[in-house]
Amino acid sequence: MVSLVIVPVVFIIAAIVIVSLFLHFVPVGLWISARAAGVNVGIFNLIGMRLRRVVPSKIILPLVKANKAGLDVNANQLEAHYLAGGDVDRVVDALIAAHRATMSLTFERAAAIDLAGRDVLEAVQMSVNPKVIETPFISAVAQNGIELKVRARVTVRANIDRLVGGAGEATVIARVGEGIVTSVGSAGDHSQVLENPDEISKTVLNKGLDAGTAFEILSIDIADVDVGRNIGARLQTDQAEADKRIAQAKAEERRAMAVAKEQEMHAYTQEMQAKVVEAQAEVPLAMAQAFRDGNLGVMDYYNMSNIQADTKMRKAVAAAGMPDAVGIEDNEVKPTDADDK
């Protein structure tokens, strides 16, 4: 009895699985929706999409939308773009927006823009409604050394033909900043820029900064100009401080050289004194040798001693500030020419 109950249950489960697999590989509901919308797509095409690992709804629903909008797009184009990794729904929306705005945009161009990593729908919308890009504060210095901080608003429009391979917003901002720095730097005085900020816009706009970019610059408006630091005075102060340090370094170098020269002279003097002491130490030895050889007598030694004593006395008198009597005492009277006569 139990086995008779189990058999129908197994058949029911098997039937459910078979029906689920059939509906998975054969999206009947999606095929009915496509036929009702007037899209000519066969049931076997949907089965082929399943086998090619393509989600049929990602192709059929955008195809229905494009068909209702009057676009000439087929399922093979959408499937190829999907397999390439593109956003099919985004591309179809961009084509519909371009078609409504009477813009010339083909499916191949839109697919190429999408595969290039750009938002093709945003590009179409920007072509119709230009976008305003606000630059950060750009620091520039006039010729009188005063810093100016300038912020600009750049109105751009997307260029569909240059979206593939064209530079982005960062390049536009960088070029506008370069133009502002050049324009402010060519001003002789910062007050000229403050009085006529529109001259910056005219100068920068005439440089053709949108060349090679994905945008077309419509206008450049100066939003704000602030006065910053006195860069010229600061540079002069820094230069003076650097010159001062260089002069101090050179003076320290000369002082070190003078100290080294003085130490060298002191060492040389000590060396000479050592040689003199060494020579004086050899004098008694030479005298003793002269006595032994008979070249020096006792009277000669006494006369030399008297001369040395007299020399010491003269030095002592001169150091004490006494008149040098040359061997004559203070109470003695020197002979004159009259006495000789």
C-alpha atoms as a PDB file:
ATOM      1  CA  MET A   1       0.000   0.000   0.000  1.00  0.00           C
ATOM      2  CA  VAL A   2       2.854   2.348   0.876  1.00  0.00           C
ATOM      3  CA  SER A   3       4.605   1.599  -2.400  1.00  0.00           C
ATOM      4  CA  LEU A   4       1.467   2.469  -4.334  1.00  0.00           C
ATOM      5  CA  VAL A   5       1.427   5.918  -2.687  1.00  0.00           C
ATOM      6  CA  ILE A   6       5.154   6.598  -3.303  1.00  0.00           C
ATOM      7  CA  VAL A   7       5.017   5.898  -7.071  1.00  0.00           C
ATOM      8  CA  PRO A   8       2.606   8.794  -7.947  1.00  0.00           C
ATOM      9  CA  VAL A   9       4.653  11.186  -5.784  1.00  0.00           C
ATOM     10  CA  VAL A  10       7.821  10.305  -7.678  1.00  0.00           C
ATOM     11  CA  PHE A  11       6.082  10.857 -10.999  1.00  0.00           C
ATOM     12  CA  ILE A  12       4.764  14.232  -9.834  1.00  0.00           C
ATOM     13  CA  ILE A  13       8.251  15.368  -8.725  1.00  0.00           C
ATOM     14  CA  ALA A  14       9.779  14.194 -11.984  1.00  0.00           C
ATOM     15  CA  ALA A  15       7.118  16.047 -13.952  1.00  0.00           C
ATOM     16  CA  ILE A  16       7.758  19.235 -12.021  1.00  0.00           C
ATOM     17  CA  VAL A  17      11.514  18.994 -12.663  1.00  0.00           C
ATOM     18  CA  ILE A  18      10.981  18.344 -16.375  1.00  0.00           C
ATOM     19  CA  VAL A  19       8.585  21.264 -16.714  1.00  0.00           C
ATOM     20  CA  SER A  20      11.001  23.569 -14.836  1.00  0.00           C
ATOM     21  CA  LEU A  21      13.899  22.600 -17.101  1.00  0.00           C
ATOM     22  CA  PHE A  22      11.720  23.089 -20.169  1.00  0.00           C
ATOM     23  CA  LEU A  23      10.592  26.555 -19.064  1.00  0.00           C
ATOM     24  CA  HIS A  24      14.192  27.445 -18.178  1.00  0.00           C
ATOM     25  CA  PHE A  25      15.560  26.582 -21.608  1.00  0.00           C
ATOM     26  CA  VAL A  26      12.396  27.602 -23.451  1.00  0.00           C
ATOM     27  CA  PRO A  27      11.278  31.042 -22.101  1.00  0.00           C
ATOM     28  CA  VAL A  28       7.750  30.814 -23.422  1.00  0.00           C
ATOM     29  CA  GLY A  29       6.520  33.835 -21.462  1.00  0.00           C
ATOM     30  CA  LEU A  30       9.325  36.039 -22.837  1.00  0.00           C
ATOM     31  CA  TRP A  31       8.615  34.799 -26.372  1.00  0.00           C
ATOM     32  CA  ILE A  32       4.916  35.631 -25.995  1.00  0.00           C
ATOM     33  CA  SER A  33       5.785  39.131 -24.731  1.00  0.00           C
ATOM     34  CA  ALA A  34       8.112  39.724 -27.687  1.00  0.00           C
ATOM     35  CA  ARG A  35       5.526  38.551 -30.217  1.00  0.00           C
ATOM     36  CA  ALA A  36       2.907  40.742 -28.598  1.00  0.00           C
ATOM     37  CA  ALA A  37       5.228  43.756 -28.899  1.00  0.00           C
ATOM     38  CA  GLY A  38       5.807  43.083 -32.585  1.00  0.00           C
ATOM     39  CA  VAL A  39       9.383  41.833 -32.194  1.00  0.00           C
ATOM     40  CA  ASN A  40      10.062  39.005 -34.611  1.00  0.00           C
ATOM     41  CA  VAL A  41      12.114  36.537 -32.596  1.00  0.00           C
ATOM     42  CA  GLY A  42      11.806  32.771 -32.799  1.00  0.00           C
ATOM     43  CA  ILE A  43      11.524  30.358 -29.906  1.00  0.00           C
ATOM     44  CA  PHE A  44      14.635  28.551 -31.120  1.00  0.00           C
ATOM     45  CA  ASN A  45      16.593  31.814 -30.982  1.00  0.00           C
ATOM     46  CA  LEU A  46      15.718  32.090 -27.305  1.00  0.00           C
ATOM     47  CA  ILE A  47      16.812  28.488 -26.723  1.00  0.00           C
ATOM     48  CA  GLY A  48      20.084  29.280 -28.535  1.00  0.00           C
ATOM     49  CA  MET A  49      20.657  32.259 -26.214  1.00  0.00           C
ATOM     50  CA  ARG A  50      20.313  29.928 -23.237  1.00  0.00           C
ATOM     51  CA  LEU A  51      22.852  27.556 -24.758  1.00  0.00           C
ATOM     52  CA  ARG A  52      25.228  30.480 -25.420  1.00  0.00           C
ATOM     53  CA  ARG A  53      24.883  31.522 -21.759  1.00  0.00           C
ATOM     54  CA  VAL A  54      23.073  34.733 -22.640  1.00  0.00           C
ATOM     55  CA  VAL A  55      20.202  35.858 -20.438  1.00  0.00           C
ATOM     56  CA  PRO A  56      17.312  36.253 -22.923  1.00  0.00           C
ATOM     57  CA  SER A  57      15.631  38.997 -20.905  1.00  0.00           C
ATOM     58  CA  LYS A  58      18.812  41.141 -21.217  1.00  0.00           C
ATOM     59  CA  ILE A  59      18.325  41.048 -25.002  1.00  0.00           C
ATOM     60  CA  ILE A  60      14.581  40.829 -25.583  1.00  0.00           C
ATOM     61  CA  LEU A  61      13.478  43.623 -23.250  1.00  0.00           C
ATOM     62  CA  PRO A  62      15.922  46.241 -24.692  1.00  0.00           C
ATOM     63  CA  LEU A  63      14.973  45.003 -28.176  1.00  0.00           C
ATOM     64  CA  VAL A  64      11.310  45.599 -27.439  1.00  0.00           C
ATOM     65  CA  LYS A  65      12.141  49.077 -26.130  1.00  0.00           C
ATOM     66  CA  ALA A  66      14.194  49.904 -29.252  1.00  0.00           C
ATOM     67  CA  ASN A  67      11.485  48.558 -31.557  1.00  0.00           C
ATOM     68  CA  LYS A  68       8.835  50.713 -29.891  1.00  0.00           C
ATOM     69  CA  ALA A  69      11.113  53.761 -30.230  1.00  0.00           C
ATOM     70  CA  GLY A  70      11.517  53.130 -33.971  1.00  0.00           C
ATOM     71  CA  LEU A  71      15.205  52.183 -33.899  1.00  0.00           C
ATOM     72  CA  ASP A  72      16.710  49.862 -36.466  1.00  0.00           C
ATOM     73  CA  VAL A  73      18.354  47.354 -34.085  1.00  0.00           C
ATOM     74  CA  ASN A  74      18.272  43.561 -34.271  1.00  0.00           C
ATOM     75  CA  ALA A  75      18.795  40.832 -31.707  1.00  0.00           C
ATOM     76  CA  ASN A  76      22.168  39.723 -33.119  1.00  0.00           C
ATOM     77  CA  GLN A  77      23.692  43.195 -32.527  1.00  0.00           C
ATOM     78  CA  LEU A  78      22.455  43.330 -28.950  1.00  0.00           C
ATOM     79  CA  GLU A  79      23.621  39.770 -28.244  1.00  0.00           C
ATOM     80  CA  ALA A  80      27.084  40.476 -29.659  1.00  0.00           C
ATOM     81  CA  HIS A  81      27.424  43.575 -27.490  1.00  0.00           C
ATOM     82  CA  TYR A  82      26.265  41.624 -24.434  1.00  0.00           C
ATOM     83  CA  LEU A  83      28.846  38.884 -25.058  1.00  0.00           C
ATOM     84  CA  ALA A  84      31.528  41.590 -25.401  1.00  0.00           C
ATOM     85  CA  GLY A  85      30.769  42.754 -21.869  1.00  0.00           C
ATOM     86  CA  GLY A  86      28.722  45.829 -22.694  1.00  0.00           C
ATOM     87  CA  ASP A  87      25.619  47.252 -21.073  1.00  0.00           C
ATOM     88  CA  VAL A  88      22.902  46.583 -23.649  1.00  0.00           C
ATOM     89  CA  ASP A  89      20.143  48.406 -21.801  1.00  0.00           C
ATOM     90  CA  ARG A  90      22.344  51.522 -21.371  1.00  0.00           C
ATOM     91  CA  VAL A  91      23.236  51.586 -25.044  1.00  0.00           C
ATOM     92  CA  VAL A  92      19.589  51.283 -26.120  1.00  0.00           C
ATOM     93  CA  ASP A  93      18.598  54.103 -23.746  1.00  0.00           C
ATOM     94  CA  ALA A  94      21.350  56.294 -25.207  1.00  0.00           C
ATOM     95  CA  LEU A  95      20.189  55.537 -28.762  1.00  0.00           C
ATOM     96  CA  ILE A  96      16.606  56.423 -27.861  1.00  0.00           C
ATOM     97  CA  ALA A  97      17.746  59.703 -26.219  1.00  0.00           C
ATOM     98  CA  ALA A  98      19.864  60.601 -29.251  1.00  0.00           C
ATOM     99  CA  HIS A  99      17.001  59.742 -31.591  1.00  0.00           C
ATOM    100  CA  ARG A 100      14.620  61.996 -29.653  1.00  0.00           C
ATOM    101  CA  ALA A 101      17.170  64.823 -29.725  1.00  0.00           C
ATOM    102  CA  THR A 102      17.707  64.359 -33.501  1.00  0.00           C
ATOM    103  CA  MET A 103      21.373  63.527 -32.944  1.00  0.00           C
ATOM    104  CA  SER A 104      23.331  61.317 -35.309  1.00  0.00           C
ATOM    105  CA  LEU A 105      24.393  58.312 -33.224  1.00  0.00           C
ATOM    106  CA  THR A 106      24.687  54.823 -34.666  1.00  0.00           C
ATOM    107  CA  PHE A 107      24.577  51.587 -32.725  1.00  0.00           C
ATOM    108  CA  GLU A 108      28.224  50.838 -33.551  1.00  0.00           C
ATOM    109  CA  ARG A 109      29.355  54.228 -32.198  1.00  0.00           C
ATOM    110  CA  ALA A 110      27.262  53.857 -29.035  1.00  0.00           C
ATOM    111  CA  ALA A 111      28.559  50.315 -28.476  1.00  0.00           C
ATOM    112  CA  ALA A 112      32.155  51.489 -28.953  1.00  0.00           C
ATOM    113  CA  ILE A 113      31.684  54.313 -26.431  1.00  0.00           C
ATOM    114  CA  ASP A 114      30.165  51.876 -23.932  1.00  0.00           C
ATOM    115  CA  LEU A 115      32.974  49.338 -24.356  1.00  0.00           C
ATOM    116  CA  ALA A 116      35.537  52.150 -23.951  1.00  0.00           C
ATOM    117  CA  GLY A 117      34.338  52.542 -20.372  1.00  0.00           C
ATOM    118  CA  ARG A 118      32.370  55.760 -20.762  1.00  0.00           C
ATOM    119  CA  ASP A 119      28.741  56.293 -19.845  1.00  0.00           C
ATOM    120  CA  VAL A 120      27.174  56.652 -23.266  1.00  0.00           C
ATOM    121  CA  LEU A 121      23.787  57.765 -21.892  1.00  0.00           C
ATOM    122  CA  GLU A 122      25.408  60.492 -19.797  1.00  0.00           C
ATOM    123  CA  ALA A 123      27.397  61.594 -22.853  1.00  0.00           C
ATOM    124  CA  VAL A 124      24.218  61.968 -24.891  1.00  0.00           C
ATOM    125  CA  GLN A 125      22.543  63.865 -22.080  1.00  0.00           C
ATOM    126  CA  MET A 126      25.596  66.130 -21.759  1.00  0.00           C
ATOM    127  CA  SER A 127      25.458  66.840 -25.474  1.00  0.00           C
ATOM    128  CA  VAL A 128      21.909  68.097 -25.050  1.00  0.00           C
ATOM    129  CA  ASN A 129      22.364  69.707 -21.630  1.00  0.00           C
ATOM    130  CA  PRO A 130      25.945  71.036 -21.153  1.00  0.00           C
ATOM    131  CA  LYS A 131      27.699  70.279 -17.883  1.00  0.00           C
ATOM    132  CA  VAL A 132      29.445  72.756 -15.580  1.00  0.00           C
ATOM    133  CA  ILE A 133      32.826  71.645 -14.204  1.00  0.00           C
ATOM    134  CA  GLU A 134      34.062  73.634 -11.213  1.00  0.00           C
ATOM    135  CA  THR A 135      37.822  73.774 -10.758  1.00  0.00           C
ATOM    136  CA  PRO A 136      39.495  73.845  -7.341  1.00  0.00           C
ATOM    137  CA  PHE A 137      41.319  76.988  -6.175  1.00  0.00           C
ATOM    138  CA  ILE A 138      44.271  77.499  -8.516  1.00  0.00           C
ATOM    139  CA  SER A 139      47.241  79.375  -7.062  1.00  0.00           C
ATOM    140  CA  ALA A 140      48.997  81.815  -9.420  1.00  0.00           C
ATOM    141  CA  VAL A 141      51.527  84.613  -8.822  1.00  0.00           C
ATOM    142  CA  ALA A 142      51.530  87.974 -10.609  1.00  0.00           C
ATOM    143  CA  GLN A 143      54.751  89.722 -11.608  1.00  0.00           C
ATOM    144  CA  ASN A 144      54.724  91.883  -8.470  1.00  0.00           C
ATOM    145  CA  GLY A 145      54.958  88.730  -6.326  1.00  0.00           C
ATOM    146  CA  ILE A 146      51.383  88.684  -4.969  1.00  0.00           C
ATOM    147  CA  GLU A 147      49.628  85.311  -4.977  1.00  0.00           C
ATOM    148  CA  LEU A 148      46.081  85.024  -6.320  1.00  0.00           C
ATOM    149  CA  LYS A 149      43.787  82.047  -5.755  1.00  0.00           C
ATOM    150  CA  VAL A 150      41.376  81.667  -8.664  1.00  0.00           C
ATOM    151  CA  ARG A 151      38.397  79.327  -9.024  1.00  0.00           C
ATOM    152  CA  ALA A 152      36.638  78.928 -12.370  1.00  0.00           C
ATOM    153  CA  ARG A 153      33.509  77.264 -13.729  1.00  0.00           C
ATOM    154  CA  VAL A 154      33.952  75.563 -17.099  1.00  0.00           C
ATOM    155  CA  THR A 155      30.849  74.833 -19.173  1.00  0.00           C
ATOM    156  CA  VAL A 156      31.457  71.856 -21.459  1.00  0.00           C
ATOM    157  CA  ARG A 157      29.458  69.834 -23.907  1.00  0.00           C
ATOM    158  CA  ALA A 158      30.217  66.222 -24.767  1.00  0.00           C
ATOM    159  CA  ASN A 159      31.681  65.626 -28.214  1.00  0.00           C
ATOM    160  CA  ILE A 160      30.272  62.283 -29.373  1.00  0.00           C
ATOM    161  CA  ASP A 161      32.850  61.908 -32.139  1.00  0.00           C
ATOM    162  CA  ARG A 162      35.776  62.245 -29.678  1.00  0.00           C
ATOM    163  CA  LEU A 163      34.415  60.210 -26.783  1.00  0.00           C
ATOM    164  CA  VAL A 164      36.485  57.214 -27.913  1.00  0.00           C
ATOM    165  CA  GLY A 165      40.139  58.136 -27.372  1.00  0.00           C
ATOM    166  CA  GLY A 166      39.465  61.657 -26.093  1.00  0.00           C
ATOM    167  CA  ALA A 167      40.759  62.997 -22.781  1.00  0.00           C
ATOM    168  CA  GLY A 168      38.402  63.360 -19.821  1.00  0.00           C
ATOM    169  CA  GLU A 169      37.442  66.008 -17.292  1.00  0.00           C
ATOM    170  CA  ALA A 170      40.768  65.843 -15.440  1.00  0.00           C
ATOM    171  CA  THR A 171      42.604  66.970 -18.566  1.00  0.00           C
ATOM    172  CA  VAL A 172      40.195  69.864 -19.095  1.00  0.00           C
ATOM    173  CA  ILE A 173      40.658  71.031 -15.488  1.00  0.00           C
ATOM    174  CA  ALA A 174      44.442  70.743 -15.773  1.00  0.00           C
ATOM    175  CA  ARG A 175      44.537  72.756 -18.989  1.00  0.00           C
ATOM    176  CA  VAL A 176      42.261  75.450 -17.589  1.00  0.00           C
ATOM    177  CA  GLY A 177      44.473  75.671 -14.502  1.00  0.00           C
ATOM    178  CA  GLU A 178      47.566  76.011 -16.666  1.00  0.00           C
ATOM    179  CA  GLY A 179      45.900  78.783 -18.661  1.00  0.00           C
ATOM    180  CA  ILE A 180      44.917  80.637 -15.486  1.00  0.00           C
ATOM    181  CA  VAL A 181      48.462  80.427 -14.089  1.00  0.00           C
ATOM    182  CA  THR A 182      49.898  81.727 -17.370  1.00  0.00           C
ATOM    183  CA  SER A 183      47.359  84.543 -17.626  1.00  0.00           C
ATOM    184  CA  VAL A 184      47.881  85.723 -14.036  1.00  0.00           C
ATOM    185  CA  GLY A 185      51.654  85.384 -14.337  1.00  0.00           C
ATOM    186  CA  SER A 186      51.708  87.681 -17.365  1.00  0.00           C
ATOM    187  CA  ALA A 187      49.945  90.459 -15.402  1.00  0.00           C
ATOM    188  CA  GLY A 188      52.297  93.154 -14.144  1.00  0.00           C
ATOM    189  CA  ASP A 189      50.259  93.815 -11.019  1.00  0.00           C
ATOM    190  CA  HIS A 190      47.710  91.677  -9.192  1.00  0.00           C
ATOM    191  CA  SER A 191      45.292  94.601  -9.056  1.00  0.00           C
ATOM    192  CA  GLN A 192      44.921  94.362 -12.839  1.00  0.00           C
ATOM    193  CA  VAL A 193      43.559  90.838 -12.471  1.00  0.00           C
ATOM    194  CA  LEU A 194      41.229  91.885  -9.663  1.00  0.00           C
ATOM    195  CA  GLU A 195      39.875  94.741 -11.763  1.00  0.00           C
ATOM    196  CA  ASN A 196      39.312  92.678 -14.933  1.00  0.00           C
ATOM    197  CA  PRO A 197      38.927  88.974 -14.111  1.00  0.00           C
ATOM    198  CA  ASP A 198      37.113  88.441 -17.420  1.00  0.00           C
ATOM    199  CA  GLU A 199      40.439  88.955 -19.198  1.00  0.00           C
ATOM    200  CA  ILE A 200      41.511  85.589 -17.756  1.00  0.00           C
ATOM    201  CA  SER A 201      38.438  83.931 -19.258  1.00  0.00           C
ATOM    202  CA  LYS A 202      39.042  85.441 -22.678  1.00  0.00           C
ATOM    203  CA  THR A 203      42.722  84.548 -22.690  1.00  0.00           C
ATOM    204  CA  VAL A 204      42.173  80.960 -21.546  1.00  0.00           C
ATOM    205  CA  LEU A 205      39.211  80.383 -23.866  1.00  0.00           C
ATOM    206  CA  ASN A 206      41.214  81.508 -26.903  1.00  0.00           C
ATOM    207  CA  LYS A 207      43.906  78.883 -26.258  1.00  0.00           C
ATOM    208  CA  GLY A 208      41.786  76.021 -27.638  1.00  0.00           C
ATOM    209  CA  LEU A 209      42.067  73.914 -24.515  1.00  0.00           C
ATOM    210  CA  ASP A 210      39.473  71.377 -25.661  1.00  0.00           C
ATOM    211  CA  ALA A 211      41.673  70.003 -28.447  1.00  0.00           C
ATOM    212  CA  GLY A 212      42.032  66.237 -28.141  1.00  0.00           C
ATOM    213  CA  THR A 213      39.446  65.966 -25.368  1.00  0.00           C
ATOM    214  CA  ALA A 214      36.003  64.384 -25.306  1.00  0.00           C
ATOM    215  CA  PHE A 215      34.405  67.768 -24.621  1.00  0.00           C
ATOM    216  CA  GLU A 216      33.801  71.096 -26.255  1.00  0.00           C
ATOM    217  CA  ILE A 217      34.410  74.078 -23.974  1.00  0.00           C
ATOM    218  CA  LEU A 218      31.562  76.566 -24.306  1.00  0.00           C
ATOM    219  CA  SER A 219      32.606  79.125 -21.694  1.00  0.00           C
ATOM    220  CA  ILE A 220      35.017  79.720 -18.835  1.00  0.00           C
ATOM    221  CA  ASP A 221      33.720  81.927 -16.017  1.00  0.00           C
ATOM    222  CA  ILE A 222      35.815  83.153 -13.095  1.00  0.00           C
ATOM    223  CA  ALA A 223      33.818  82.347  -9.972  1.00  0.00           C
ATOM    224  CA  ASP A 224      36.149  83.666  -7.255  1.00  0.00           C
ATOM    225  CA  VAL A 225      39.494  85.467  -6.916  1.00  0.00           C
ATOM    226  CA  ASP A 226      41.215  85.701  -3.511  1.00  0.00           C
ATOM    227  CA  VAL A 227      44.460  87.474  -2.630  1.00  0.00           C
ATOM    228  CA  GLY A 228      46.968  85.148  -1.015  1.00  0.00           C
ATOM    229  CA  ARG A 229      50.503  85.551   0.288  1.00  0.00           C
ATOM    230  CA  ASN A 230      53.242  87.954  -0.823  1.00  0.00           C
ATOM    231  CA  ILE A 231      55.356  85.323  -2.497  1.00  0.00           C
ATOM    232  CA  GLY A 232      57.884  87.845  -3.836  1.00  0.00           C
ATOM    233  CA  ALA A 233      58.686  89.252  -0.386  1.00  0.00           C
ATOM    234  CA  ARG A 234      58.878  85.777   1.075  1.00  0.00           C
ATOM    235  CA  LEU A 235      61.292  84.668  -1.638  1.00  0.00           C
ATOM    236  CA  GLN A 236      63.471  87.717  -1.019  1.00  0.00           C
ATOM    237  CA  THR A 237      63.452  87.009   2.715  1.00  0.00           C
ATOM    238  CA  ASP A 238      64.391  83.392   2.121  1.00  0.00           C
ATOM    239  CA  GLN A 239      67.167  84.477  -0.257  1.00  0.00           C
ATOM    240  CA  ALA A 240      68.514  86.960   2.304  1.00  0.00           C
ATOM    241  CA  GLU A 241      68.436  84.259   4.982  1.00  0.00           C
ATOM    242  CA  ALA A 242      70.261  81.878   2.652  1.00  0.00           C
ATOM    243  CA  ASP A 243      72.911  84.540   1.888  1.00  0.00           C
ATOM    244  CA  LYS A 244      73.312  85.144   5.616  1.00  0.00           C
ATOM    245  CA  ARG A 245      73.883  81.469   6.275  1.00  0.00           C
ATOM    246  CA  ILE A 246      76.398  81.275   3.439  1.00  0.00           C
ATOM    247  CA  ALA A 247      78.286  84.296   4.840  1.00  0.00           C
ATOM    248  CA  GLN A 248      78.281  82.761   8.331  1.00  0.00           C
ATOM    249  CA  ALA A 249      79.572  79.491   6.942  1.00  0.00           C
ATOM    250  CA  LYS A 250      82.381  81.262   5.086  1.00  0.00           C
ATOM    251  CA  ALA A 251      83.278  83.291   8.212  1.00  0.00           C
ATOM    252  CA  GLU A 252      83.345  80.106  10.263  1.00  0.00           C
ATOM    253  CA  GLU A 253      85.581  78.546   7.633  1.00  0.00           C
ATOM    254  CA  ARG A 254      88.000  81.489   7.789  1.00  0.00           C
ATOM    255  CA  ARG A 255      88.009  81.375  11.594  1.00  0.00           C
ATOM    256  CA  ALA A 256      88.744  77.662  11.554  1.00  0.00           C
ATOM    257  CA  MET A 257      91.585  78.240   9.087  1.00  0.00           C
ATOM    258  CA  ALA A 258      93.009  81.012  11.325  1.00  0.00           C
ATOM    259  CA  VAL A 259      92.831  78.745  14.389  1.00  0.00           C
ATOM    260  CA  ALA A 260      94.518  75.960  12.472  1.00  0.00           C
ATOM    261  CA  LYS A 261      97.256  78.380  11.287  1.00  0.00           C
ATOM    262  CA  GLU A 262      97.781  79.630  14.841  1.00  0.00           C
ATOM    263  CA  GLN A 263      98.049  76.081  16.128  1.00  0.00           C
ATOM    264  CA  GLU A 264     100.500  75.295  13.355  1.00  0.00           C
ATOM    265  CA  MET A 265     102.659  78.316  14.252  1.00  0.00           C
ATOM    266  CA  HIS A 266     102.500  77.398  17.925  1.00  0.00           C
ATOM    267  CA  ALA A 267     103.632  73.872  17.127  1.00  0.00           C
ATOM    268  CA  TYR A 268     106.445  75.277  14.965  1.00  0.00           C
ATOM    269  CA  THR A 269     107.564  77.619  17.799  1.00  0.00           C
ATOM    270  CA  GLN A 270     107.604  74.756  20.267  1.00  0.00           C
ATOM    271  CA  GLU A 271     109.644  72.708  17.831  1.00  0.00           C
ATOM    272  CA  MET A 272     112.175  75.561  17.436  1.00  0.00           C
ATOM    273  CA  GLN A 273     112.383  76.008  21.216  1.00  0.00           C
ATOM    274  CA  ALA A 274     113.002  72.318  21.619  1.00  0.00           C
ATOM    275  CA  LYS A 275     115.823  72.533  19.087  1.00  0.00           C
ATOM    276  CA  VAL A 276     117.329  75.542  20.941  1.00  0.00           C
ATOM    277  CA  VAL A 277     117.206  73.667  24.255  1.00  0.00           C
ATOM    278  CA  GLU A 278     118.784  70.702  22.575  1.00  0.00           C
ATOM    279  CA  ALA A 279     121.533  72.913  21.154  1.00  0.00           C
ATOM    280  CA  GLN A 280     122.131  74.570  24.549  1.00  0.00           C
ATOM    281  CA  ALA A 281     122.454  71.158  26.125  1.00  0.00           C
ATOM    282  CA  GLU A 282     125.288  70.367  23.709  1.00  0.00           C
ATOM    283  CA  VAL A 283     127.262  73.515  24.743  1.00  0.00           C
ATOM    284  CA  PRO A 284     128.743  72.087  28.032  1.00  0.00           C
ATOM    285  CA  LEU A 285     129.716  68.935  26.198  1.00  0.00           C
ATOM    286  CA  ALA A 286     131.489  70.965  23.526  1.00  0.00           C
ATOM    287  CA  MET A 287     133.307  73.040  26.160  1.00  0.00           C
ATOM    288  CA  ALA A 288     134.433  69.919  28.004  1.00  0.00           C
ATOM    289  CA  GLN A 289     135.747  68.508  24.756  1.00  0.00           C
ATOM    290  CA  ALA A 290     137.545  71.816  24.059  1.00  0.00           C
ATOM    291  CA  PHE A 291     139.240  71.620  27.515  1.00  0.00           C
ATOM    292  CA  ARG A 292     140.365  68.067  26.803  1.00  0.00           C
ATOM    293  CA  ASP A 293     141.696  69.001  23.386  1.00  0.00           C
ATOM    294  CA  GLY A 294     143.483  72.113  24.689  1.00  0.00           C
ATOM    295  CA  ASN A 295     141.482  74.516  22.512  1.00  0.00           C
ATOM    296  CA  LEU A 296     140.064  76.358  25.546  1.00  0.00           C
ATOM    297  CA  GLY A 297     141.975  77.649  28.580  1.00  0.00           C
ATOM    298  CA  VAL A 298     140.946  78.555  32.090  1.00  0.00           C
ATOM    299  CA  MET A 299     141.240  82.306  31.449  1.00  0.00           C
ATOM    300  CA  ASP A 300     139.153  82.024  28.352  1.00  0.00           C
ATOM    301  CA  TYR A 301     136.418  80.277  30.374  1.00  0.00           C
ATOM    302  CA  TYR A 302     136.538  83.032  33.067  1.00  0.00           C
ATOM    303  CA  ASN A 303     136.323  85.814  30.467  1.00  0.00           C
ATOM    304  CA  MET A 304     133.314  84.097  28.854  1.00  0.00           C
ATOM    305  CA  SER A 305     131.654  83.741  32.274  1.00  0.00           C
ATOM    306  CA  ASN A 306     132.195  87.448  32.987  1.00  0.00           C
ATOM    307  CA  ILE A 307     130.653  88.361  29.651  1.00  0.00           C
ATOM    308  CA  GLN A 308     127.642  86.142  30.365  1.00  0.00           C
ATOM    309  CA  ALA A 309     127.217  87.693  33.830  1.00  0.00           C
ATOM    310  CA  ASP A 310     127.458  91.202  32.406  1.00  0.00           C
ATOM    311  CA  THR A 311     124.850  90.332  29.771  1.00  0.00           C
ATOM    312  CA  LYS A 312     122.454  89.009  32.413  1.00  0.00           C
ATOM    313  CA  MET A 313     122.910  92.168  34.478  1.00  0.00           C
ATOM    314  CA  ARG A 314     122.152  94.407  31.480  1.00  0.00           C
ATOM    315  CA  LYS A 315     118.951  92.422  30.771  1.00  0.00           C
ATOM    316  CA  ALA A 316     117.879  92.689  34.397  1.00  0.00           C
ATOM    317  CA  VAL A 317     118.486  96.459  34.431  1.00  0.00           C
ATOM    318  CA  ALA A 318     116.586  96.914  31.175  1.00  0.00           C
ATOM    319  CA  ALA A 319     113.650  94.862  32.487  1.00  0.00           C
ATOM    320  CA  ALA A 320     113.533  96.997  35.683  1.00  0.00           C
ATOM    321  CA  GLY A 321     113.482 100.281  33.673  1.00  0.00           C
ATOM    322  CA  MET A 322     116.917 101.433  34.973  1.00  0.00           C
ATOM    323  CA  PRO A 323     119.331 103.359  32.693  1.00  0.00           C
ATOM    324  CA  ASP A 324     121.883 101.177  31.068  1.00  0.00           C
ATOM    325  CA  ALA A 325     125.264 102.307  32.463  1.00  0.00           C
ATOM    326  CA  VAL A 326     127.236  99.911  30.353  1.00  0.00           C
ATOM    327  CA  GLY A 327     129.253  98.785  33.388  1.00  0.00           C
ATOM    328  CA  ILE A 328     129.448 102.305  35.026  1.00  0.00           C
ATOM    329  CA  GLU A 329     127.777 102.896  38.412  1.00  0.00           C
ATOM    330  CA  ASP A 330     125.226 105.669  38.915  1.00  0.00           C
ATOM    331  CA  ASN A 331     127.573 107.786  41.180  1.00  0.00           C
ATOM    332  CA  GLU A 332     130.424 107.758  38.685  1.00  0.00           C
ATOM    333  CA  VAL A 333     130.965 110.711  36.312  1.00  0.00           C
ATOM    334  CA  LYS A 334     131.671 109.967  32.682  1.00  0.00           C
ATOM    335  CA  PRO A 335     134.715 111.756  31.244  1.00  0.00           C
ATOM    336  CA  THR A 336     134.040 114.587  28.837  1.00  0.00           C
ATOM    337  CA  ASP A 337     135.980 116.092  25.971  1.00  0.00           C
ATOM    338  CA  ALA A 338     137.074 119.007  28.214  1.00  0.00           C
ATOM    339  CA  ASP A 339     138.729 116.678  30.735  1.00  0.00           C
ATOM    340  CA  ASP A 340     140.656 114.985  27.988  1.00  0.00           C
ATOM    341  CA  LYS A 341     142.066 118.333  26.934  1.00  0.00           C
END
